[in-house]
Every structure is written in structure tokens, then in C-alpha cells.
């Protein structure tokens, strides 16, 4: 399982537009083969920071997502919303049985 955290530092003046533009990406990504979850979280300590928490079945699913039309379209426009470079962290893991 691949877990990705994509951290967005958003221009406050463009936050509403960012939230509108990212919705099609969220909807389409959740429907992709190999997607386990795809959730946008708002930072509780910095109102202009959002983290997309993605969980994928494997690297093949991530690669397919990264080449999808909805992803490439959003990424091409993301710079218009950002006040800092997009920060991406990727992890490999398995669910724990507690």
C-alpha cells in the first residue's frame, strides 16, 4: 500500500477557487482502479494549508493516477493557487491489526 501526503500552501485570496477546482480531481481519483482513499484535509493550525491524503493499492495505481487527465490538468493549474512549492511525501505501509 502506498500513502501519499501532498501539502498545499494556498494563497488566501484564491482559497475558494482552489477548493472549487480540486473537487473534480477528488471525485475522479476516488473512482480510479487501485484507489483506497483520497481525502483533502485542512490544517487546523494554519488556515491556508491543505493536505491531500492518498492511499493507493500499489505503485502501478499511483503511476496510472499521475498520468490521468484529471490529475495532469489540476497539476498544470495548481501553481496559480500556491504560495510555496507543493510538498509531496510518500510512504509504503500495511494496515495494522490492533
PDB file of N, CA and C in Angstrom:
ATOM      1  N   UNK A   1       0.842  -1.167   0.000  1.00  0.00           N
ATOM      2  CA  UNK A   1       0.000   0.000   0.000  1.00  0.00           C
ATOM      3  C   UNK A   1       0.892   1.237   0.000  1.00  0.00           C
ATOM      4  N   UNK A   2       0.532   2.220  -0.807  1.00  0.00           N
ATOM      5  CA  UNK A   2       1.279   3.476  -0.913  1.00  0.00           C
ATOM      6  C   UNK A   2       0.427   4.599  -0.331  1.00  0.00           C
ATOM      7  N   UNK A   3       1.044   5.372   0.547  1.00  0.00           N
ATOM      8  CA  UNK A   3       0.363   6.502   1.196  1.00  0.00           C
ATOM      9  C   UNK A   3       1.093   7.772   0.775  1.00  0.00           C
ATOM     10  N   UNK A   4       0.342   8.735   0.283  1.00  0.00           N
ATOM     11  CA  UNK A   4       0.925   9.995  -0.182  1.00  0.00           C
ATOM     12  C   UNK A   4       0.270  11.156   0.551  1.00  0.00           C
ATOM     13  N   UNK A   5       1.116  12.080   1.002  1.00  0.00           N
ATOM     14  CA  UNK A   5       0.648  13.342   1.572  1.00  0.00           C
ATOM     15  C   UNK A   5       1.126  14.450   0.650  1.00  0.00           C
ATOM     16  N   UNK A   6       0.209  15.137  -0.001  1.00  0.00           N
ATOM     17  CA  UNK A   6       0.539  16.275  -0.860  1.00  0.00           C
ATOM     18  C   UNK A   6       0.089  17.534  -0.123  1.00  0.00           C
ATOM     19  N   UNK A   7       1.044  18.380   0.228  1.00  0.00           N
ATOM     20  CA  UNK A   7       0.766  19.549   1.079  1.00  0.00           C
ATOM     21  C   UNK A   7       0.728  20.808   0.224  1.00  0.00           C
ATOM     22  N   UNK A   8      -0.413  21.492   0.295  1.00  0.00           N
ATOM     23  CA  UNK A   8      -0.669  22.703  -0.479  1.00  0.00           C
ATOM     24  C   UNK A   8      -0.684  23.915   0.443  1.00  0.00           C
ATOM     25  N   UNK A   9       0.162  24.909   0.166  1.00  0.00           N
ATOM     26  CA  UNK A   9       0.120  26.205   0.848  1.00  0.00           C
ATOM     27  C   UNK A   9      -0.608  27.142  -0.116  1.00  0.00           C
ATOM     28  N   UNK A  10      -1.822  27.509   0.240  1.00  0.00           N
ATOM     29  CA  UNK A  10      -2.720  28.213  -0.673  1.00  0.00           C
ATOM     30  C   UNK A  10      -2.761  29.720  -0.396  1.00  0.00           C
ATOM     31  N   UNK A  11      -2.750  30.482  -1.473  1.00  0.00           N
ATOM     32  CA  UNK A  11      -2.950  31.924  -1.391  1.00  0.00           C
ATOM     33  C   UNK A  11      -4.356  32.163  -0.820  1.00  0.00           C
ATOM     34  N   UNK A  12      -4.473  32.858   0.308  1.00  0.00           N
ATOM     35  CA  UNK A  12      -5.792  33.060   0.923  1.00  0.00           C
ATOM     36  C   UNK A  12      -6.817  33.679  -0.024  1.00  0.00           C
ATOM     37  N   UNK A  13      -6.381  34.550  -0.918  1.00  0.00           N
ATOM     38  CA  UNK A  13      -7.298  35.195  -1.864  1.00  0.00           C
ATOM     39  C   UNK A  13      -7.830  34.211  -2.904  1.00  0.00           C
ATOM     40  N   UNK A  14      -7.180  33.057  -3.051  1.00  0.00           N
ATOM     41  CA  UNK A  14      -7.581  32.076  -4.060  1.00  0.00           C
ATOM     42  C   UNK A  14      -8.081  30.768  -3.450  1.00  0.00           C
ATOM     43  N   UNK A  15      -8.307  30.765  -2.149  1.00  0.00           N
ATOM     44  CA  UNK A  15      -8.699  29.532  -1.476  1.00  0.00           C
ATOM     45  C   UNK A  15     -10.035  28.981  -1.977  1.00  0.00           C
ATOM     46  N   UNK A  16     -11.017  29.831  -2.166  1.00  0.00           N
ATOM     47  CA  UNK A  16     -12.319  29.359  -2.654  1.00  0.00           C
ATOM     48  C   UNK A  16     -12.205  28.752  -4.048  1.00  0.00           C
ATOM     49  N   UNK A  17     -11.425  29.385  -4.908  1.00  0.00           N
ATOM     50  CA  UNK A  17     -11.224  28.856  -6.255  1.00  0.00           C
ATOM     51  C   UNK A  17     -10.461  27.527  -6.203  1.00  0.00           C
ATOM     52  N   UNK A  18      -9.455  27.430  -5.337  1.00  0.00           N
ATOM     53  CA  UNK A  18      -8.718  26.175  -5.151  1.00  0.00           C
ATOM     54  C   UNK A  18      -9.676  25.056  -4.747  1.00  0.00           C
ATOM     55  N   UNK A  19     -10.527  25.321  -3.769  1.00  0.00           N
ATOM     56  CA  UNK A  19     -11.462  24.297  -3.294  1.00  0.00           C
ATOM     57  C   UNK A  19     -12.450  23.883  -4.384  1.00  0.00           C
ATOM     58  N   UNK A  20     -12.820  24.812  -5.223  1.00  0.00           N
ATOM     59  CA  UNK A  20     -13.718  24.506  -6.342  1.00  0.00           C
ATOM     60  C   UNK A  20     -12.994  23.673  -7.408  1.00  0.00           C
ATOM     61  N   UNK A  21     -11.768  24.073  -7.736  1.00  0.00           N
ATOM     62  CA  UNK A  21     -11.006  23.402  -8.788  1.00  0.00           C
ATOM     63  C   UNK A  21     -10.541  21.998  -8.393  1.00  0.00           C
ATOM     64  N   UNK A  22     -10.357  21.757  -7.098  1.00  0.00           N
ATOM     65  CA  UNK A  22      -9.834  20.454  -6.674  1.00  0.00           C
ATOM     66  C   UNK A  22     -10.936  19.392  -6.571  1.00  0.00           C
ATOM     67  N   UNK A  23     -12.193  19.801  -6.523  1.00  0.00           N
ATOM     68  CA  UNK A  23     -13.290  18.835  -6.378  1.00  0.00           C
ATOM     69  C   UNK A  23     -13.349  17.801  -7.503  1.00  0.00           C
ATOM     70  N   UNK A  24     -13.251  18.194  -8.782  1.00  0.00           N
ATOM     71  CA  UNK A  24     -13.256  17.170  -9.841  1.00  0.00           C
ATOM     72  C   UNK A  24     -12.099  16.179  -9.709  1.00  0.00           C
ATOM     73  N   UNK A  25     -10.934  16.661  -9.258  1.00  0.00           N
ATOM     74  CA  UNK A  25      -9.795  15.773  -9.045  1.00  0.00           C
ATOM     75  C   UNK A  25     -10.119  14.745  -7.967  1.00  0.00           C
ATOM     76  N   UNK A  26     -10.716  15.178  -6.883  1.00  0.00           N
ATOM     77  CA  UNK A  26     -11.057  14.268  -5.783  1.00  0.00           C
ATOM     78  C   UNK A  26     -12.059  13.218  -6.256  1.00  0.00           C
ATOM     79  N   UNK A  27     -13.111  13.659  -6.894  1.00  0.00           N
ATOM     80  CA  UNK A  27     -14.157  12.740  -7.353  1.00  0.00           C
ATOM     81  C   UNK A  27     -13.595  11.704  -8.331  1.00  0.00           C
ATOM     82  N   UNK A  28     -12.854  12.167  -9.331  1.00  0.00           N
ATOM     83  CA  UNK A  28     -12.314  11.250 -10.343  1.00  0.00           C
ATOM     84  C   UNK A  28     -11.261  10.316  -9.751  1.00  0.00           C
ATOM     85  N   UNK A  29     -10.437  10.818  -8.847  1.00  0.00           N
ATOM     86  CA  UNK A  29      -9.385   9.992  -8.253  1.00  0.00           C
ATOM     87  C   UNK A  29      -9.967   8.869  -7.406  1.00  0.00           C
ATOM     88  N   UNK A  30     -11.040   9.153  -6.709  1.00  0.00           N
ATOM     89  CA  UNK A  30     -11.686   8.124  -5.881  1.00  0.00           C
ATOM     90  C   UNK A  30     -12.252   6.986  -6.722  1.00  0.00           C
ATOM     91  N   UNK A  31     -12.524   7.255  -7.988  1.00  0.00           N
ATOM     92  CA  UNK A  31     -13.093   6.231  -8.874  1.00  0.00           C
ATOM     93  C   UNK A  31     -12.024   5.408  -9.587  1.00  0.00           C
ATOM     94  N   UNK A  32     -10.765   5.794  -9.458  1.00  0.00           N
ATOM     95  CA  UNK A  32      -9.689   5.095 -10.157  1.00  0.00           C
ATOM     96  C   UNK A  32      -9.445   3.710  -9.573  1.00  0.00           C
ATOM     97  N   UNK A  33      -9.051   2.794 -10.462  1.00  0.00           N
ATOM     98  CA  UNK A  33      -8.659   1.466 -10.028  1.00  0.00           C
ATOM     99  C   UNK A  33      -7.421   1.596  -9.130  1.00  0.00           C
ATOM    100  N   UNK A  34      -7.435   0.926  -8.008  1.00  0.00           N
ATOM    101  CA  UNK A  34      -6.304   0.944  -7.088  1.00  0.00           C
ATOM    102  C   UNK A  34      -6.364   2.032  -6.046  1.00  0.00           C
ATOM    103  N   UNK A  35      -7.371   2.910  -6.101  1.00  0.00           N
ATOM    104  CA  UNK A  35      -7.506   3.935  -5.072  1.00  0.00           C
ATOM    105  C   UNK A  35      -8.225   3.352  -3.867  1.00  0.00           C
ATOM    106  N   UNK A  36      -7.652   3.538  -2.696  1.00  0.00           N
ATOM    107  CA  UNK A  36      -8.269   3.097  -1.449  1.00  0.00           C
ATOM    108  C   UNK A  36      -8.942   4.285  -0.764  1.00  0.00           C
ATOM    109  N   UNK A  37      -8.273   5.426  -0.768  1.00  0.00           N
ATOM    110  CA  UNK A  37      -8.903   6.655  -0.263  1.00  0.00           C
ATOM    111  C   UNK A  37      -8.173   7.873  -0.817  1.00  0.00           C
ATOM    112  N   UNK A  38      -8.890   8.993  -0.856  1.00  0.00           N
ATOM    113  CA  UNK A  38      -8.369  10.236  -1.423  1.00  0.00           C
ATOM    114  C   UNK A  38      -9.114  11.369  -0.730  1.00  0.00           C
ATOM    115  N   UNK A  39      -8.495  11.960   0.288  1.00  0.00           N
ATOM    116  CA  UNK A  39      -9.195  12.932   1.137  1.00  0.00           C
ATOM    117  C   UNK A  39      -8.378  14.209   1.307  1.00  0.00           C
ATOM    118  N   UNK A  40      -9.035  15.344   1.126  1.00  0.00           N
ATOM    119  CA  UNK A  40      -8.412  16.642   1.356  1.00  0.00           C
ATOM    120  C   UNK A  40      -8.686  17.058   2.800  1.00  0.00           C
ATOM    121  N   UNK A  41      -7.614  17.361   3.527  1.00  0.00           N
ATOM    122  CA  UNK A  41      -7.717  17.769   4.927  1.00  0.00           C
ATOM    123  C   UNK A  41      -7.227  19.207   5.078  1.00  0.00           C
ATOM    124  N   UNK A  42      -7.917  19.976   5.905  1.00  0.00           N
ATOM    125  CA  UNK A  42      -7.495  21.354   6.176  1.00  0.00           C
ATOM    126  C   UNK A  42      -6.709  21.382   7.480  1.00  0.00           C
ATOM    127  N   UNK A  43      -5.570  22.042   7.467  1.00  0.00           N
ATOM    128  CA  UNK A  43      -4.722  22.167   8.651  1.00  0.00           C
ATOM    129  C   UNK A  43      -5.470  22.981   9.709  1.00  0.00           C
ATOM    130  N   UNK A  44      -5.506  22.508  10.931  1.00  0.00           N
ATOM    131  CA  UNK A  44      -6.219  23.213  11.999  1.00  0.00           C
ATOM    132  C   UNK A  44      -5.380  24.335  12.610  1.00  0.00           C
ATOM    133  N   UNK A  45      -4.084  24.366  12.296  1.00  0.00           N
ATOM    134  CA  UNK A  45      -3.217  25.400  12.849  1.00  0.00           C
ATOM    135  C   UNK A  45      -2.858  26.487  11.837  1.00  0.00           C
ATOM    136  N   UNK A  46      -3.061  26.197  10.556  1.00  0.00           N
ATOM    137  CA  UNK A  46      -2.771  27.181   9.505  1.00  0.00           C
ATOM    138  C   UNK A  46      -3.902  27.095   8.476  1.00  0.00           C
ATOM    139  N   UNK A  47      -4.750  28.089   8.470  1.00  0.00           N
ATOM    140  CA  UNK A  47      -5.951  28.031   7.633  1.00  0.00           C
ATOM    141  C   UNK A  47      -5.671  28.041   6.135  1.00  0.00           C
ATOM    142  N   UNK A  48      -4.433  28.277   5.739  1.00  0.00           N
ATOM    143  CA  UNK A  48      -4.096  28.310   4.314  1.00  0.00           C
ATOM    144  C   UNK A  48      -3.342  27.066   3.847  1.00  0.00           C
ATOM    145  N   UNK A  49      -3.301  26.038   4.686  1.00  0.00           N
ATOM    146  CA  UNK A  49      -2.596  24.806   4.343  1.00  0.00           C
ATOM    147  C   UNK A  49      -3.591  23.651   4.292  1.00  0.00           C
ATOM    148  N   UNK A  50      -3.496  22.884   3.199  1.00  0.00           N
ATOM    149  CA  UNK A  50      -4.330  21.700   2.998  1.00  0.00           C
ATOM    150  C   UNK A  50      -3.418  20.524   2.684  1.00  0.00           C
ATOM    151  N   UNK A  51      -3.828  19.329   3.096  1.00  0.00           N
ATOM    152  CA  UNK A  51      -3.074  18.118   2.778  1.00  0.00           C
ATOM    153  C   UNK A  51      -4.008  17.113   2.119  1.00  0.00           C
ATOM    154  N   UNK A  52      -3.603  16.663   0.934  1.00  0.00           N
ATOM    155  CA  UNK A  52      -4.319  15.577   0.279  1.00  0.00           C
ATOM    156  C   UNK A  52      -3.693  14.290   0.799  1.00  0.00           C
ATOM    157  N   UNK A  53      -4.498  13.482   1.465  1.00  0.00           N
ATOM    158  CA  UNK A  53      -4.033  12.199   1.980  1.00  0.00           C
ATOM    159  C   UNK A  53      -4.568  11.127   1.043  1.00  0.00           C
ATOM    160  N   UNK A  54      -3.647  10.484   0.334  1.00  0.00           N
ATOM    161  CA  UNK A  54      -3.998   9.490  -0.669  1.00  0.00           C
ATOM    162  C   UNK A  54      -3.513   8.115  -0.226  1.00  0.00           C
ATOM    163  N   UNK A  55      -4.335   7.109  -0.445  1.00  0.00           N
ATOM    164  CA  UNK A  55      -3.910   5.734  -0.190  1.00  0.00           C
ATOM    165  C   UNK A  55      -4.203   4.935  -1.452  1.00  0.00           C
ATOM    166  N   UNK A  56      -3.148   4.285  -1.961  1.00  0.00           N
ATOM    167  CA  UNK A  56      -3.225   3.533  -3.211  1.00  0.00           C
ATOM    168  C   UNK A  56      -2.819   2.087  -2.981  1.00  0.00           C
ATOM    169  N   UNK A  57      -3.360   1.218  -3.788  1.00  0.00           N
ATOM    170  CA  UNK A  57      -3.087  -0.212  -3.696  1.00  0.00           C
ATOM    171  C   UNK A  57      -1.598  -0.519  -3.922  1.00  0.00           C
ATOM    172  N   UNK A  58      -0.985   0.131  -4.927  1.00  0.00           N
ATOM    173  CA  UNK A  58       0.414  -0.146  -5.267  1.00  0.00           C
ATOM    174  C   UNK A  58       0.958   0.985  -6.144  1.00  0.00           C
ATOM    175  N   UNK A  59       2.240   0.876  -6.510  1.00  0.00           N
ATOM    176  CA  UNK A  59       2.877   1.914  -7.315  1.00  0.00           C
ATOM    177  C   UNK A  59       2.288   1.992  -8.720  1.00  0.00           C
ATOM    178  N   UNK A  60       1.788   0.890  -9.235  1.00  0.00           N
ATOM    179  CA  UNK A  60       1.152   0.906 -10.555  1.00  0.00           C
ATOM    180  C   UNK A  60      -0.079   1.811 -10.529  1.00  0.00           C
ATOM    181  N   UNK A  61      -0.848   1.750  -9.451  1.00  0.00           N
ATOM    182  CA  UNK A  61      -2.030   2.611  -9.313  1.00  0.00           C
ATOM    183  C   UNK A  61      -1.611   4.076  -9.210  1.00  0.00           C
ATOM    184  N   UNK A  62      -0.532   4.345  -8.489  1.00  0.00           N
ATOM    185  CA  UNK A  62      -0.024   5.721  -8.371  1.00  0.00           C
ATOM    186  C   UNK A  62       0.420   6.238  -9.740  1.00  0.00           C
ATOM    187  N   UNK A  63       1.149   5.421 -10.476  1.00  0.00           N
ATOM    188  CA  UNK A  63       1.623   5.823 -11.800  1.00  0.00           C
ATOM    189  C   UNK A  63       0.458   6.105 -12.744  1.00  0.00           C
ATOM    190  N   UNK A  64      -0.548   5.268 -12.686  1.00  0.00           N
ATOM    191  CA  UNK A  64      -1.733   5.479 -13.521  1.00  0.00           C
ATOM    192  C   UNK A  64      -2.428   6.787 -13.139  1.00  0.00           C
ATOM    193  N   UNK A  65      -2.555   7.029 -11.851  1.00  0.00           N
ATOM    194  CA  UNK A  65      -3.165   8.271 -11.366  1.00  0.00           C
ATOM    195  C   UNK A  65      -2.368   9.485 -11.835  1.00  0.00           C
ATOM    196  N   UNK A  66      -1.041   9.402 -11.694  1.00  0.00           N
ATOM    197  CA  UNK A  66      -0.187  10.539 -12.051  1.00  0.00           C
ATOM    198  C   UNK A  66      -0.219  10.873 -13.541  1.00  0.00           C
ATOM    199  N   UNK A  67      -0.652   9.942 -14.362  1.00  0.00           N
ATOM    200  CA  UNK A  67      -0.748  10.220 -15.795  1.00  0.00           C
ATOM    201  C   UNK A  67      -2.195  10.450 -16.245  1.00  0.00           C
ATOM    202  N   UNK A  68      -3.129  10.414 -15.310  1.00  0.00           N
ATOM    203  CA  UNK A  68      -4.543  10.613 -15.662  1.00  0.00           C
ATOM    204  C   UNK A  68      -4.808  12.053 -16.084  1.00  0.00           C
ATOM    205  N   UNK A  69      -5.823  12.229 -16.897  1.00  0.00           N
ATOM    206  CA  UNK A  69      -6.165  13.566 -17.397  1.00  0.00           C
ATOM    207  C   UNK A  69      -6.563  14.508 -16.263  1.00  0.00           C
ATOM    208  N   UNK A  70      -7.368  14.021 -15.314  1.00  0.00           N
ATOM    209  CA  UNK A  70      -7.818  14.897 -14.228  1.00  0.00           C
ATOM    210  C   UNK A  70      -6.656  15.334 -13.332  1.00  0.00           C
ATOM    211  N   UNK A  71      -5.667  14.453 -13.141  1.00  0.00           N
ATOM    212  CA  UNK A  71      -4.510  14.807 -12.315  1.00  0.00           C
ATOM    213  C   UNK A  71      -3.610  15.800 -13.051  1.00  0.00           C
ATOM    214  N   UNK A  72      -3.257  15.502 -14.302  1.00  0.00           N
ATOM    215  CA  UNK A  72      -2.341  16.378 -15.035  1.00  0.00           C
ATOM    216  C   UNK A  72      -2.959  17.760 -15.268  1.00  0.00           C
ATOM    217  N   UNK A  73      -4.265  17.796 -15.473  1.00  0.00           N
ATOM    218  CA  UNK A  73      -4.950  19.089 -15.654  1.00  0.00           C
ATOM    219  C   UNK A  73      -4.872  19.912 -14.370  1.00  0.00           C
ATOM    220  N   UNK A  74      -5.141  19.283 -13.225  1.00  0.00           N
ATOM    221  CA  UNK A  74      -5.089  20.014 -11.965  1.00  0.00           C
ATOM    222  C   UNK A  74      -3.666  20.493 -11.668  1.00  0.00           C
ATOM    223  N   UNK A  75      -2.692  19.622 -11.835  1.00  0.00           N
ATOM    224  CA  UNK A  75      -1.296  19.973 -11.537  1.00  0.00           C
ATOM    225  C   UNK A  75      -0.827  21.139 -12.405  1.00  0.00           C
ATOM    226  N   UNK A  76      -1.256  21.163 -13.649  1.00  0.00           N
ATOM    227  CA  UNK A  76      -0.862  22.253 -14.547  1.00  0.00           C
ATOM    228  C   UNK A  76      -1.370  23.601 -14.049  1.00  0.00           C
ATOM    229  N   UNK A  77      -2.501  23.607 -13.364  1.00  0.00           N
ATOM    230  CA  UNK A  77      -3.090  24.860 -12.867  1.00  0.00           C
ATOM    231  C   UNK A  77      -2.783  25.133 -11.399  1.00  0.00           C
ATOM    232  N   UNK A  78      -2.229  24.173 -10.678  1.00  0.00           N
ATOM    233  CA  UNK A  78      -2.030  24.302  -9.226  1.00  0.00           C
ATOM    234  C   UNK A  78      -1.127  25.475  -8.860  1.00  0.00           C
ATOM    235  N   UNK A  79      -0.131  25.764  -9.681  1.00  0.00           N
ATOM    236  CA  UNK A  79       0.792  26.857  -9.359  1.00  0.00           C
ATOM    237  C   UNK A  79       0.067  28.185  -9.182  1.00  0.00           C
ATOM    238  N   UNK A  80      -1.106  28.328  -9.791  1.00  0.00           N
ATOM    239  CA  UNK A  80      -1.874  29.565  -9.674  1.00  0.00           C
ATOM    240  C   UNK A  80      -2.425  29.781  -8.261  1.00  0.00           C
ATOM    241  N   UNK A  81      -2.509  28.711  -7.472  1.00  0.00           N
ATOM    242  CA  UNK A  81      -3.077  28.787  -6.122  1.00  0.00           C
ATOM    243  C   UNK A  81      -2.017  28.806  -5.023  1.00  0.00           C
ATOM    244  N   UNK A  82      -0.824  28.342  -5.332  1.00  0.00           N
ATOM    245  CA  UNK A  82       0.191  28.077  -4.303  1.00  0.00           C
ATOM    246  C   UNK A  82       1.020  29.304  -3.940  1.00  0.00           C
ATOM    247  N   UNK A  83       1.386  29.367  -2.650  1.00  0.00           N
ATOM    248  CA  UNK A  83       2.307  30.397  -2.174  1.00  0.00           C
ATOM    249  C   UNK A  83       3.676  29.793  -1.857  1.00  0.00           C
ATOM    250  N   UNK A  84       3.794  28.472  -1.974  1.00  0.00           N
ATOM    251  CA  UNK A  84       5.051  27.747  -1.756  1.00  0.00           C
ATOM    252  C   UNK A  84       5.001  26.509  -2.645  1.00  0.00           C
ATOM    253  N   UNK A  85       6.151  25.940  -2.948  1.00  0.00           N
ATOM    254  CA  UNK A  85       6.145  24.726  -3.775  1.00  0.00           C
ATOM    255  C   UNK A  85       5.330  23.602  -3.123  1.00  0.00           C
ATOM    256  N   UNK A  86       4.664  22.832  -3.945  1.00  0.00           N
ATOM    257  CA  UNK A  86       3.914  21.670  -3.470  1.00  0.00           C
ATOM    258  C   UNK A  86       4.894  20.711  -2.816  1.00  0.00           C
ATOM    259  N   UNK A  87       4.540  20.242  -1.628  1.00  0.00           N
ATOM    260  CA  UNK A  87       5.390  19.305  -0.895  1.00  0.00           C
ATOM    261  C   UNK A  87       4.717  17.935  -0.931  1.00  0.00           C
ATOM    262  N   UNK A  88       5.431  16.928  -1.425  1.00  0.00           N
ATOM    263  CA  UNK A  88       4.864  15.584  -1.539  1.00  0.00           C
ATOM    264  C   UNK A  88       5.722  14.610  -0.743  1.00  0.00           C
ATOM    265  N   UNK A  89       5.058  13.841   0.127  1.00  0.00           N
ATOM    266  CA  UNK A  89       5.720  12.808   0.918  1.00  0.00           C
ATOM    267  C   UNK A  89       5.032  11.489   0.594  1.00  0.00           C
ATOM    268  N   UNK A  90       5.820  10.451   0.335  1.00  0.00           N
ATOM    269  CA  UNK A  90       5.250   9.144   0.006  1.00  0.00           C
ATOM    270  C   UNK A  90       5.782   8.103   0.982  1.00  0.00           C
ATOM    271  N   UNK A  91       4.886   7.176   1.348  1.00  0.00           N
ATOM    272  CA  UNK A  91       5.209   6.137   2.321  1.00  0.00           C
ATOM    273  C   UNK A  91       4.688   4.797   1.826  1.00  0.00           C
ATOM    274  N   UNK A  92       5.332   3.743   2.247  1.00  0.00           N
ATOM    275  CA  UNK A  92       4.857   2.404   1.960  1.00  0.00           C
ATOM    276  C   UNK A  92       4.456   1.771   3.290  1.00  0.00           C
ATOM    277  N   UNK A  93       3.286   1.145   3.327  1.00  0.00           N
ATOM    278  CA  UNK A  93       2.844   0.563   4.586  1.00  0.00           C
ATOM    279  C   UNK A  93       1.731  -0.437   4.406  1.00  0.00           C
ATOM    280  N   UNK A  94       1.362  -1.035   5.502  1.00  0.00           N
ATOM    281  CA  UNK A  94       0.266  -2.006   5.544  1.00  0.00           C
ATOM    282  C   UNK A  94      -0.592  -1.687   6.750  1.00  0.00           C
ATOM    283  N   UNK A  95      -1.895  -1.976   6.680  1.00  0.00           N
ATOM    284  CA  UNK A  95      -2.751  -1.743   7.850  1.00  0.00           C
ATOM    285  C   UNK A  95      -2.321  -2.641   9.011  1.00  0.00           C
ATOM    286  N   UNK A  96      -2.420  -2.116  10.199  1.00  0.00           N
ATOM    287  CA  UNK A  96      -2.127  -2.888  11.399  1.00  0.00           C
ATOM    288  C   UNK A  96      -3.405  -3.479  11.954  1.00  0.00           C
ATOM    289  N   UNK A  97      -3.331  -4.666  12.446  1.00  0.00           N
ATOM    290  CA  UNK A  97      -4.477  -5.291  13.104  1.00  0.00           C
ATOM    291  C   UNK A  97      -4.304  -5.107  14.586  1.00  0.00           C
ATOM    292  N   UNK A  98      -5.113  -4.240  15.153  1.00  0.00           N
ATOM    293  CA  UNK A  98      -4.995  -3.927  16.591  1.00  0.00           C
ATOM    294  C   UNK A  98      -5.978  -4.729  17.409  1.00  0.00           C
TER     295      UNK A  98
END
